[in-house]
Amino acid sequence: VVILVDVSVTNSVCIIHIQHSLRLLLEEQMSNKDCFNIIAFGSHIVPWQLELVPSQPENLQKAWR
């Protein structure tokens, strides 16, 4: 699973809601998936990791931080 997060200026007023939804997604839905990554995009594209990582609890926590 690759999660795309729009962090553009247009969404800056919604960032708290985006963070909350991302946290719920990581906690409630990603633990039963094999692998994941998060890519933030706005004026630049920023991947959390260079490749998919296993959906283990420690990786989900690292992704949230």
PDB file of N, CA and C in Angstrom:
ATOM      1  N   VAL A   1       0.853  -1.159   0.000  1.00  0.00           N
ATOM      2  CA  VAL A   1       0.000   0.000   0.000  1.00  0.00           C
ATOM      3  C   VAL A   1       0.905   1.230   0.000  1.00  0.00           C
ATOM      4  N   VAL A   2       0.611   2.169  -0.878  1.00  0.00           N
ATOM      5  CA  VAL A   2       1.299   3.451  -0.874  1.00  0.00           C
ATOM      6  C   VAL A   2       0.266   4.515  -0.537  1.00  0.00           C
ATOM      7  N   ILE A   3       0.546   5.270   0.508  1.00  0.00           N
ATOM      8  CA  ILE A   3      -0.351   6.326   0.969  1.00  0.00           C
ATOM      9  C   ILE A   3       0.176   7.652   0.448  1.00  0.00           C
ATOM     10  N   LEU A   4      -0.634   8.346  -0.323  1.00  0.00           N
ATOM     11  CA  LEU A   4      -0.266   9.661  -0.836  1.00  0.00           C
ATOM     12  C   LEU A   4      -0.940  10.719   0.026  1.00  0.00           C
ATOM     13  N   VAL A   5      -0.149  11.676   0.506  1.00  0.00           N
ATOM     14  CA  VAL A   5      -0.671  12.727   1.376  1.00  0.00           C
ATOM     15  C   VAL A   5      -0.402  14.076   0.729  1.00  0.00           C
ATOM     16  N   ASP A   6      -1.475  14.783   0.422  1.00  0.00           N
ATOM     17  CA  ASP A   6      -1.368  16.109  -0.194  1.00  0.00           C
ATOM     18  C   ASP A   6      -1.118  17.150   0.888  1.00  0.00           C
ATOM     19  N   VAL A   7       0.115  17.653   0.937  1.00  0.00           N
ATOM     20  CA  VAL A   7       0.481  18.667   1.927  1.00  0.00           C
ATOM     21  C   VAL A   7       0.713  20.021   1.248  1.00  0.00           C
ATOM     22  N   SER A   8       0.031  20.229   0.155  1.00  0.00           N
ATOM     23  CA  SER A   8       0.184  21.482  -0.578  1.00  0.00           C
ATOM     24  C   SER A   8      -0.398  22.645   0.222  1.00  0.00           C
ATOM     25  N   VAL A   9      -0.073  23.842  -0.191  1.00  0.00           N
ATOM     26  CA  VAL A   9      -0.561  25.049   0.470  1.00  0.00           C
ATOM     27  C   VAL A   9      -2.086  25.059   0.519  1.00  0.00           C
ATOM     28  N   THR A  10      -2.717  24.556  -0.505  1.00  0.00           N
ATOM     29  CA  THR A  10      -4.174  24.512  -0.558  1.00  0.00           C
ATOM     30  C   THR A  10      -4.750  23.739   0.624  1.00  0.00           C
ATOM     31  N   ASN A  11      -4.068  22.690   1.053  1.00  0.00           N
ATOM     32  CA  ASN A  11      -4.555  21.856   2.155  1.00  0.00           C
ATOM     33  C   ASN A  11      -4.001  22.267   3.510  1.00  0.00           C
ATOM     34  N   SER A  12      -3.250  23.336   3.579  1.00  0.00           N
ATOM     35  CA  SER A  12      -2.632  23.717   4.852  1.00  0.00           C
ATOM     36  C   SER A  12      -3.660  23.995   5.943  1.00  0.00           C
ATOM     37  N   VAL A  13      -4.838  24.470   5.579  1.00  0.00           N
ATOM     38  CA  VAL A  13      -5.883  24.724   6.585  1.00  0.00           C
ATOM     39  C   VAL A  13      -6.481  23.421   7.113  1.00  0.00           C
ATOM     40  N   CYS A  14      -6.239  22.330   6.428  1.00  0.00           N
ATOM     41  CA  CYS A  14      -6.809  21.028   6.813  1.00  0.00           C
ATOM     42  C   CYS A  14      -5.768  20.086   7.414  1.00  0.00           C
ATOM     43  N   ILE A  15      -4.558  20.566   7.671  1.00  0.00           N
ATOM     44  CA  ILE A  15      -3.472  19.668   8.061  1.00  0.00           C
ATOM     45  C   ILE A  15      -3.775  18.892   9.341  1.00  0.00           C
ATOM     46  N   ILE A  16      -4.470  19.483  10.291  1.00  0.00           N
ATOM     47  CA  ILE A  16      -4.828  18.773  11.526  1.00  0.00           C
ATOM     48  C   ILE A  16      -5.732  17.587  11.211  1.00  0.00           C
ATOM     49  N   HIS A  17      -6.687  17.773  10.326  1.00  0.00           N
ATOM     50  CA  HIS A  17      -7.594  16.688   9.926  1.00  0.00           C
ATOM     51  C   HIS A  17      -6.843  15.612   9.147  1.00  0.00           C
ATOM     52  N   ILE A  18      -5.925  16.039   8.301  1.00  0.00           N
ATOM     53  CA  ILE A  18      -5.121  15.085   7.532  1.00  0.00           C
ATOM     54  C   ILE A  18      -4.272  14.243   8.483  1.00  0.00           C
ATOM     55  N   GLN A  19      -3.630  14.883   9.465  1.00  0.00           N
ATOM     56  CA  GLN A  19      -2.817  14.145  10.437  1.00  0.00           C
ATOM     57  C   GLN A  19      -3.668  13.156  11.234  1.00  0.00           C
ATOM     58  N   HIS A  20      -4.828  13.584  11.658  1.00  0.00           N
ATOM     59  CA  HIS A  20      -5.719  12.702  12.418  1.00  0.00           C
ATOM     60  C   HIS A  20      -6.136  11.496  11.574  1.00  0.00           C
ATOM     61  N   SER A  21      -6.513  11.739  10.341  1.00  0.00           N
ATOM     62  CA  SER A  21      -6.934  10.647   9.453  1.00  0.00           C
ATOM     63  C   SER A  21      -5.776   9.698   9.153  1.00  0.00           C
ATOM     64  N   LEU A  22      -4.593  10.250   8.983  1.00  0.00           N
ATOM     65  CA  LEU A  22      -3.420   9.410   8.738  1.00  0.00           C
ATOM     66  C   LEU A  22      -3.127   8.543   9.958  1.00  0.00           C
ATOM     67  N   ARG A  23      -3.246   9.109  11.141  1.00  0.00           N
ATOM     68  CA  ARG A  23      -3.026   8.344  12.365  1.00  0.00           C
ATOM     69  C   ARG A  23      -4.028   7.195  12.475  1.00  0.00           C
ATOM     70  N   LEU A  24      -5.295   7.463  12.223  1.00  0.00           N
ATOM     71  CA  LEU A  24      -6.309   6.410  12.253  1.00  0.00           C
ATOM     72  C   LEU A  24      -6.029   5.335  11.211  1.00  0.00           C
ATOM     73  N   LEU A  25      -5.623   5.747  10.041  1.00  0.00           N
ATOM     74  CA  LEU A  25      -5.297   4.794   8.978  1.00  0.00           C
ATOM     75  C   LEU A  25      -4.154   3.885   9.413  1.00  0.00           C
ATOM     76  N   LEU A  26      -3.098   4.463   9.967  1.00  0.00           N
ATOM     77  CA  LEU A  26      -1.961   3.653  10.419  1.00  0.00           C
ATOM     78  C   LEU A  26      -2.355   2.717  11.548  1.00  0.00           C
ATOM     79  N   GLU A  27      -3.141   3.190  12.493  1.00  0.00           N
ATOM     80  CA  GLU A  27      -3.521   2.378  13.652  1.00  0.00           C
ATOM     81  C   GLU A  27      -4.529   1.285  13.322  1.00  0.00           C
ATOM     82  N   GLU A  28      -5.526   1.623  12.509  1.00  0.00           N
ATOM     83  CA  GLU A  28      -6.668   0.722  12.333  1.00  0.00           C
ATOM     84  C   GLU A  28      -6.621  -0.140  11.077  1.00  0.00           C
ATOM     85  N   GLN A  29      -5.918   0.294  10.054  1.00  0.00           N
ATOM     86  CA  GLN A  29      -6.011  -0.430   8.789  1.00  0.00           C
ATOM     87  C   GLN A  29      -4.695  -0.975   8.251  1.00  0.00           C
ATOM     88  N   MET A  30      -3.579  -0.418   8.663  1.00  0.00           N
ATOM     89  CA  MET A  30      -2.318  -0.822   8.043  1.00  0.00           C
ATOM     90  C   MET A  30      -1.678  -2.046   8.677  1.00  0.00           C
ATOM     91  N   SER A  31      -2.024  -2.384   9.901  1.00  0.00           N
ATOM     92  CA  SER A  31      -1.371  -3.510  10.573  1.00  0.00           C
ATOM     93  C   SER A  31      -1.640  -4.849   9.893  1.00  0.00           C
ATOM     94  N   ASN A  32      -2.728  -4.954   9.170  1.00  0.00           N
ATOM     95  CA  ASN A  32      -3.035  -6.217   8.491  1.00  0.00           C
ATOM     96  C   ASN A  32      -2.593  -6.219   7.027  1.00  0.00           C
ATOM     97  N   LYS A  33      -1.837  -5.213   6.606  1.00  0.00           N
ATOM     98  CA  LYS A  33      -1.289  -5.161   5.241  1.00  0.00           C
ATOM     99  C   LYS A  33       0.140  -5.679   5.281  1.00  0.00           C
ATOM    100  N   ASP A  34       0.649  -6.118   4.140  1.00  0.00           N
ATOM    101  CA  ASP A  34       2.010  -6.662   4.084  1.00  0.00           C
ATOM    102  C   ASP A  34       3.065  -5.560   4.201  1.00  0.00           C
ATOM    103  N   CYS A  35       2.977  -4.571   3.335  1.00  0.00           N
ATOM    104  CA  CYS A  35       3.991  -3.521   3.267  1.00  0.00           C
ATOM    105  C   CYS A  35       3.322  -2.182   2.970  1.00  0.00           C
ATOM    106  N   PHE A  36       4.053  -1.098   3.290  1.00  0.00           N
ATOM    107  CA  PHE A  36       3.491   0.220   3.027  1.00  0.00           C
ATOM    108  C   PHE A  36       4.599   1.257   2.894  1.00  0.00           C
ATOM    109  N   ASN A  37       4.216   2.406   2.407  1.00  0.00           N
ATOM    110  CA  ASN A  37       5.063   3.586   2.377  1.00  0.00           C
ATOM    111  C   ASN A  37       4.141   4.793   2.339  1.00  0.00           C
ATOM    112  N   ILE A  38       4.674   5.940   2.696  1.00  0.00           N
ATOM    113  CA  ILE A  38       3.910   7.184   2.666  1.00  0.00           C
ATOM    114  C   ILE A  38       4.679   8.171   1.792  1.00  0.00           C
ATOM    115  N   ILE A  39       3.981   8.818   0.892  1.00  0.00           N
ATOM    116  CA  ILE A  39       4.586   9.839   0.046  1.00  0.00           C
ATOM    117  C   ILE A  39       3.809  11.130   0.230  1.00  0.00           C
ATOM    118  N   ALA A  40       4.501  12.149   0.728  1.00  0.00           N
ATOM    119  CA  ALA A  40       3.903  13.473   0.874  1.00  0.00           C
ATOM    120  C   ALA A  40       4.224  14.267  -0.389  1.00  0.00           C
ATOM    121  N   PHE A  41       3.240  15.008  -0.866  1.00  0.00           N
ATOM    122  CA  PHE A  41       3.491  15.831  -2.047  1.00  0.00           C
ATOM    123  C   PHE A  41       2.823  17.176  -1.899  1.00  0.00           C
ATOM    124  N   GLY A  42       3.445  18.143  -2.440  1.00  0.00           N
ATOM    125  CA  GLY A  42       2.978  19.525  -2.461  1.00  0.00           C
ATOM    126  C   GLY A  42       3.799  20.191  -3.545  1.00  0.00           C
ATOM    127  N   SER A  43       4.675  21.091  -3.157  1.00  0.00           N
ATOM    128  CA  SER A  43       5.586  21.669  -4.145  1.00  0.00           C
ATOM    129  C   SER A  43       6.746  20.714  -4.430  1.00  0.00           C
ATOM    130  N   HIS A  44       6.962  19.735  -3.535  1.00  0.00           N
ATOM    131  CA  HIS A  44       7.981  18.693  -3.705  1.00  0.00           C
ATOM    132  C   HIS A  44       7.365  17.347  -3.351  1.00  0.00           C
ATOM    133  N   ILE A  45       8.009  16.293  -3.818  1.00  0.00           N
ATOM    134  CA  ILE A  45       7.586  14.936  -3.486  1.00  0.00           C
ATOM    135  C   ILE A  45       8.582  14.385  -2.473  1.00  0.00           C
ATOM    136  N   VAL A  46       8.060  13.938  -1.311  1.00  0.00           N
ATOM    137  CA  VAL A  46       8.924  13.454  -0.239  1.00  0.00           C
ATOM    138  C   VAL A  46       8.441  12.079   0.226  1.00  0.00           C
ATOM    139  N   PRO A  47       9.146  11.020  -0.158  1.00  0.00           N
ATOM    140  CA  PRO A  47       8.777   9.698   0.349  1.00  0.00           C
ATOM    141  C   PRO A  47       9.266   9.522   1.783  1.00  0.00           C
ATOM    142  N   TRP A  48       8.506   8.804   2.580  1.00  0.00           N
ATOM    143  CA  TRP A  48       8.934   8.502   3.949  1.00  0.00           C
ATOM    144  C   TRP A  48      10.127   7.543   3.889  1.00  0.00           C
ATOM    145  N   GLN A  49      10.023   6.507   3.083  1.00  0.00           N
ATOM    146  CA  GLN A  49      11.110   5.547   2.860  1.00  0.00           C
ATOM    147  C   GLN A  49      11.347   5.440   1.361  1.00  0.00           C
ATOM    148  N   LEU A  50      12.503   4.918   0.970  1.00  0.00           N
ATOM    149  CA  LEU A  50      12.809   4.784  -0.454  1.00  0.00           C
ATOM    150  C   LEU A  50      12.102   3.593  -1.084  1.00  0.00           C
ATOM    151  N   GLU A  51      11.640   2.656  -0.254  1.00  0.00           N
ATOM    152  CA  GLU A  51      10.890   1.504  -0.760  1.00  0.00           C
ATOM    153  C   GLU A  51       9.851   1.091   0.273  1.00  0.00           C
ATOM    154  N   LEU A  52       9.012   0.160  -0.097  1.00  0.00           N
ATOM    155  CA  LEU A  52       7.986  -0.337   0.820  1.00  0.00           C
ATOM    156  C   LEU A  52       8.641  -1.017   2.023  1.00  0.00           C
ATOM    157  N   VAL A  53       8.025  -0.855   3.188  1.00  0.00           N
ATOM    158  CA  VAL A  53       8.524  -1.500   4.406  1.00  0.00           C
ATOM    159  C   VAL A  53       7.410  -2.367   4.980  1.00  0.00           C
ATOM    160  N   PRO A  54       7.761  -3.399   5.748  1.00  0.00           N
ATOM    161  CA  PRO A  54       6.735  -4.249   6.359  1.00  0.00           C
ATOM    162  C   PRO A  54       5.851  -3.445   7.321  1.00  0.00           C
ATOM    163  N   SER A  55       4.597  -3.822   7.400  1.00  0.00           N
ATOM    164  CA  SER A  55       3.633  -3.136   8.279  1.00  0.00           C
ATOM    165  C   SER A  55       3.708  -3.666   9.701  1.00  0.00           C
ATOM    166  N   GLN A  56       4.890  -3.625  10.275  1.00  0.00           N
ATOM    167  CA  GLN A  56       5.105  -4.042  11.657  1.00  0.00           C
ATOM    168  C   GLN A  56       4.847  -2.857  12.578  1.00  0.00           C
ATOM    169  N   PRO A  57       4.470  -3.124  13.822  1.00  0.00           N
ATOM    170  CA  PRO A  57       4.157  -2.032  14.751  1.00  0.00           C
ATOM    171  C   PRO A  57       5.254  -0.965  14.843  1.00  0.00           C
ATOM    172  N   GLU A  58       6.528  -1.384  14.859  1.00  0.00           N
ATOM    173  CA  GLU A  58       7.590  -0.384  14.976  1.00  0.00           C
ATOM    174  C   GLU A  58       7.690   0.507  13.750  1.00  0.00           C
ATOM    175  N   ASN A  59       7.425  -0.045  12.569  1.00  0.00           N
ATOM    176  CA  ASN A  59       7.439   0.782  11.350  1.00  0.00           C
ATOM    177  C   ASN A  59       6.247   1.726  11.304  1.00  0.00           C
ATOM    178  N   LEU A  60       5.108   1.266  11.786  1.00  0.00           N
ATOM    179  CA  LEU A  60       3.931   2.146  11.831  1.00  0.00           C
ATOM    180  C   LEU A  60       4.165   3.291  12.782  1.00  0.00           C
ATOM    181  N   GLN A  61       4.829   3.032  13.912  1.00  0.00           N
ATOM    182  CA  GLN A  61       5.140   4.096  14.864  1.00  0.00           C
ATOM    183  C   GLN A  61       6.152   5.074  14.263  1.00  0.00           C
ATOM    184  N   LYS A  62       7.177   4.562  13.606  1.00  0.00           N
ATOM    185  CA  LYS A  62       8.181   5.423  12.964  1.00  0.00           C
ATOM    186  C   LYS A  62       7.519   6.304  11.896  1.00  0.00           C
ATOM    187  N   ALA A  63       6.613   5.735  11.159  1.00  0.00           N
ATOM    188  CA  ALA A  63       5.925   6.505  10.112  1.00  0.00           C
ATOM    189  C   ALA A  63       5.126   7.635  10.725  1.00  0.00           C
ATOM    190  N   TRP A  64       4.481   7.397  11.849  1.00  0.00           N
ATOM    191  CA  TRP A  64       3.689   8.444  12.494  1.00  0.00           C
ATOM    192  C   TRP A  64       4.590   9.580  12.969  1.00  0.00           C
ATOM    193  N   ARG A  65       5.723   9.232  13.534  1.00  0.00           N
ATOM    194  CA  ARG A  65       6.653  10.261  14.021  1.00  0.00           C
ATOM    195  C   ARG A  65       7.196  11.047  12.870  1.00  0.00           C
TER     196      ARG A  65
END
